[in-house]
Amino acid sequence: MAQHPVSPAPQRPDLKAGRKPEPELIPKPLLRAMIGIALLSLALTTYSVLTKRPHEGVPPAGKVVAEKLVVLKDIDARHATVADADGKILLDLPEGGFVDVMAAAVRRSRAVARITDNPPVRIVRYDNGRLTMEDPATGWSTELYAFGADSKAAFERILDMK
């Protein structure tokens, strides 16, 4: 029987010839600081919830001035359609822009909620200038005025259509 020479076990390169191991990628003080920030955030959030602090940065309530039910459908990456609640096409937008983005957001929230059909969403204008889109099927909503004047104008145009 032929004998094979036995090669020595490979050694880690940083342990050869008395070399020191490489320093840690994240220094321990920095790691401790990151853990401290996470724990402090958790403590502040817990305190806020337990003491029932009012929410900050919530838009003021207003009276509904106008509202409309519409069905948004994103056909592909850019193309979107807007129909009224009865299914009549109001807009066919090959370059849907922000309307297509909002249609995709609604579709995503419905996928998470496991809603397979496409019921109408509600576009609402309030007397204090707020413009929102609400999805009654999932409870999802967004403040459309927060995305800029052009984005708000796209949905104001839809809201004002007869």
Protein backbone atom coordinates (compact mmCIF):
# COMPACT_ATOMS: atom_id res chain seq x y z
CA MET A 1 0.00 0.00 0.00
CA ALA A 2 1.29 3.46 -0.93
CA GLN A 3 1.57 6.00 1.79
CA HIS A 4 0.58 9.59 1.25
CA PRO A 5 2.47 12.33 2.99
CA VAL A 6 0.45 14.11 5.64
CA SER A 7 0.40 17.86 5.25
CA PRO A 8 0.19 20.02 8.34
CA ALA A 9 -3.15 21.65 9.17
CA PRO A 10 -3.50 25.12 7.64
CA GLN A 11 -2.90 27.95 10.07
CA ARG A 12 -4.65 31.28 10.17
CA PRO A 13 -2.49 33.84 8.41
CA ASP A 14 -2.80 36.35 11.26
CA LEU A 15 -1.41 33.85 13.78
CA LYS A 16 1.68 32.95 11.78
CA ALA A 17 5.07 34.14 12.87
CA GLY A 18 3.83 35.80 16.04
CA ARG A 19 1.60 38.37 14.32
CA LYS A 20 -1.13 39.95 16.40
CA PRO A 21 -4.73 39.26 15.38
CA GLU A 22 -6.42 42.03 13.40
CA PRO A 23 -8.32 44.59 15.45
CA GLU A 24 -12.09 44.29 15.75
CA LEU A 25 -14.09 45.93 12.97
CA ILE A 26 -16.37 47.69 15.46
CA PRO A 27 -14.58 48.98 18.55
CA LYS A 28 -16.13 47.87 21.84
CA PRO A 29 -16.91 51.42 23.04
CA LEU A 30 -18.80 52.13 19.82
CA LEU A 31 -20.69 48.85 20.09
CA ARG A 32 -21.65 49.68 23.70
CA ALA A 33 -22.81 53.15 22.62
CA MET A 34 -25.01 51.65 19.86
CA ILE A 35 -26.59 49.21 22.33
CA GLY A 36 -27.11 52.09 24.78
CA ILE A 37 -28.89 54.19 22.14
CA ALA A 38 -31.16 51.27 21.25
CA LEU A 39 -32.03 50.66 24.93
CA LEU A 40 -32.61 54.37 25.54
CA SER A 41 -34.97 54.52 22.52
CA LEU A 42 -36.86 51.50 23.81
CA ALA A 43 -37.14 53.05 27.30
CA LEU A 44 -38.42 56.38 25.92
CA THR A 45 -40.97 54.65 23.71
CA THR A 46 -42.16 52.47 26.59
CA TYR A 47 -42.51 55.53 28.83
CA SER A 48 -44.47 57.38 26.15
CA VAL A 49 -46.87 54.49 25.65
CA LEU A 50 -47.38 53.80 29.38
CA THR A 51 -48.04 57.46 30.21
CA LYS A 52 -50.33 57.85 27.16
CA ARG A 53 -48.53 60.94 25.89
CA PRO A 54 -50.36 62.62 23.01
CA HIS A 55 -48.87 62.05 19.57
CA GLU A 56 -46.66 64.78 18.15
CA GLY A 57 -46.67 65.85 14.51
CA VAL A 58 -50.22 64.66 13.83
CA PRO A 59 -52.01 66.86 11.27
CA PRO A 60 -54.88 68.88 12.71
CA ALA A 61 -58.37 67.58 12.17
CA GLY A 62 -60.57 69.45 9.74
CA LYS A 63 -63.98 69.33 8.14
CA VAL A 64 -64.40 67.46 4.87
CA VAL A 65 -64.87 69.91 2.00
CA ALA A 66 -64.85 67.43 -0.88
CA GLU A 67 -64.37 63.70 -1.32
CA LYS A 68 -64.43 61.21 -4.15
CA LEU A 69 -64.24 57.44 -4.46
CA VAL A 70 -61.91 56.29 -7.23
CA VAL A 71 -60.37 53.02 -8.34
CA LEU A 72 -56.63 53.25 -9.00
CA LYS A 73 -54.99 50.61 -11.12
CA ASP A 74 -51.32 50.44 -11.97
CA ILE A 75 -51.05 48.63 -15.28
CA ASP A 76 -47.25 48.37 -15.34
CA ALA A 77 -44.22 50.29 -14.07
CA ARG A 78 -45.49 53.61 -15.46
CA HIS A 79 -49.02 53.18 -16.78
CA ALA A 80 -51.97 53.84 -14.45
CA THR A 81 -55.70 54.30 -14.81
CA VAL A 82 -58.18 56.12 -12.60
CA ALA A 83 -61.84 55.10 -12.67
CA ASP A 84 -64.84 56.29 -10.73
CA ALA A 85 -66.58 53.97 -8.26
CA ASP A 86 -68.84 52.68 -11.08
CA GLY A 87 -65.83 51.66 -13.21
CA LYS A 88 -65.96 54.50 -15.78
CA ILE A 89 -62.40 55.44 -16.75
CA LEU A 90 -61.68 59.05 -15.77
CA LEU A 91 -58.00 59.10 -16.69
CA ASP A 92 -55.72 56.78 -18.64
CA LEU A 93 -52.17 57.81 -17.80
CA PRO A 94 -49.45 56.06 -19.87
CA GLU A 95 -46.92 58.09 -17.87
CA GLY A 96 -48.76 57.83 -14.56
CA GLY A 97 -46.15 59.56 -12.42
CA PHE A 98 -47.25 60.12 -8.84
CA VAL A 99 -50.69 58.60 -9.45
CA ASP A 100 -48.99 55.35 -10.48
CA VAL A 101 -46.78 55.48 -7.37
CA MET A 102 -49.84 55.84 -5.14
CA ALA A 103 -51.64 53.04 -6.99
CA ALA A 104 -48.63 50.79 -6.35
CA ALA A 105 -48.62 51.80 -2.66
CA VAL A 106 -52.31 50.91 -2.33
CA ARG A 107 -51.71 47.60 -4.12
CA ARG A 108 -48.84 46.82 -1.73
CA SER A 109 -50.86 47.61 1.40
CA ARG A 110 -53.66 45.41 0.12
CA ALA A 111 -51.25 42.57 -0.61
CA VAL A 112 -50.00 42.78 2.97
CA ALA A 113 -53.61 42.74 4.20
CA ARG A 114 -54.36 39.83 1.83
CA ILE A 115 -57.04 41.74 -0.07
CA THR A 116 -57.23 40.41 -3.63
CA ASP A 117 -59.82 42.67 -5.24
CA ASN A 118 -59.47 46.39 -6.02
CA PRO A 119 -62.15 48.37 -4.18
CA PRO A 120 -62.21 52.18 -4.45
CA VAL A 121 -60.04 54.51 -2.39
CA ARG A 122 -61.24 57.80 -1.00
CA ILE A 123 -59.62 61.13 -1.88
CA VAL A 124 -60.55 63.76 0.71
CA ARG A 125 -59.96 67.51 0.83
CA TYR A 126 -60.31 69.22 4.22
CA ASP A 127 -61.04 72.85 5.03
CA ASN A 128 -57.56 73.32 6.52
CA GLY A 129 -55.81 72.49 3.22
CA ARG A 130 -55.07 68.84 3.88
CA LEU A 131 -55.53 66.41 1.00
CA THR A 132 -55.53 62.72 1.86
CA MET A 133 -56.05 59.38 0.19
CA GLU A 134 -57.66 56.73 2.37
CA ASP A 135 -58.12 53.04 1.68
CA PRO A 136 -61.22 51.87 3.56
CA ALA A 137 -60.34 48.23 2.79
CA THR A 138 -57.08 48.32 4.79
CA GLY A 139 -57.25 51.47 6.90
CA TRP A 140 -54.13 52.76 5.12
CA SER A 141 -53.97 56.48 4.39
CA THR A 142 -51.48 59.08 3.25
CA GLU A 143 -51.26 62.84 3.31
CA LEU A 144 -50.99 63.78 -0.37
CA TYR A 145 -50.07 67.40 0.27
CA ALA A 146 -46.84 66.21 1.93
CA PHE A 147 -45.41 65.04 -1.42
CA GLY A 148 -45.19 68.49 -2.98
CA ALA A 149 -47.36 70.82 -5.01
CA ASP A 150 -47.22 68.87 -8.28
CA SER A 151 -48.18 65.59 -6.61
CA LYS A 152 -50.98 67.27 -4.71
CA ALA A 153 -52.21 68.92 -7.92
CA ALA A 154 -52.48 65.54 -9.67
CA PHE A 155 -54.96 64.32 -7.08
CA GLU A 156 -56.77 67.65 -6.81
CA ARG A 157 -57.43 67.35 -10.55
CA ILE A 158 -58.91 63.88 -10.01
CA LEU A 159 -60.99 65.14 -7.09
CA ASP A 160 -62.38 68.03 -9.14
CA MET A 161 -63.38 65.84 -12.13
CA LYS A 162 -67.11 65.43 -12.69
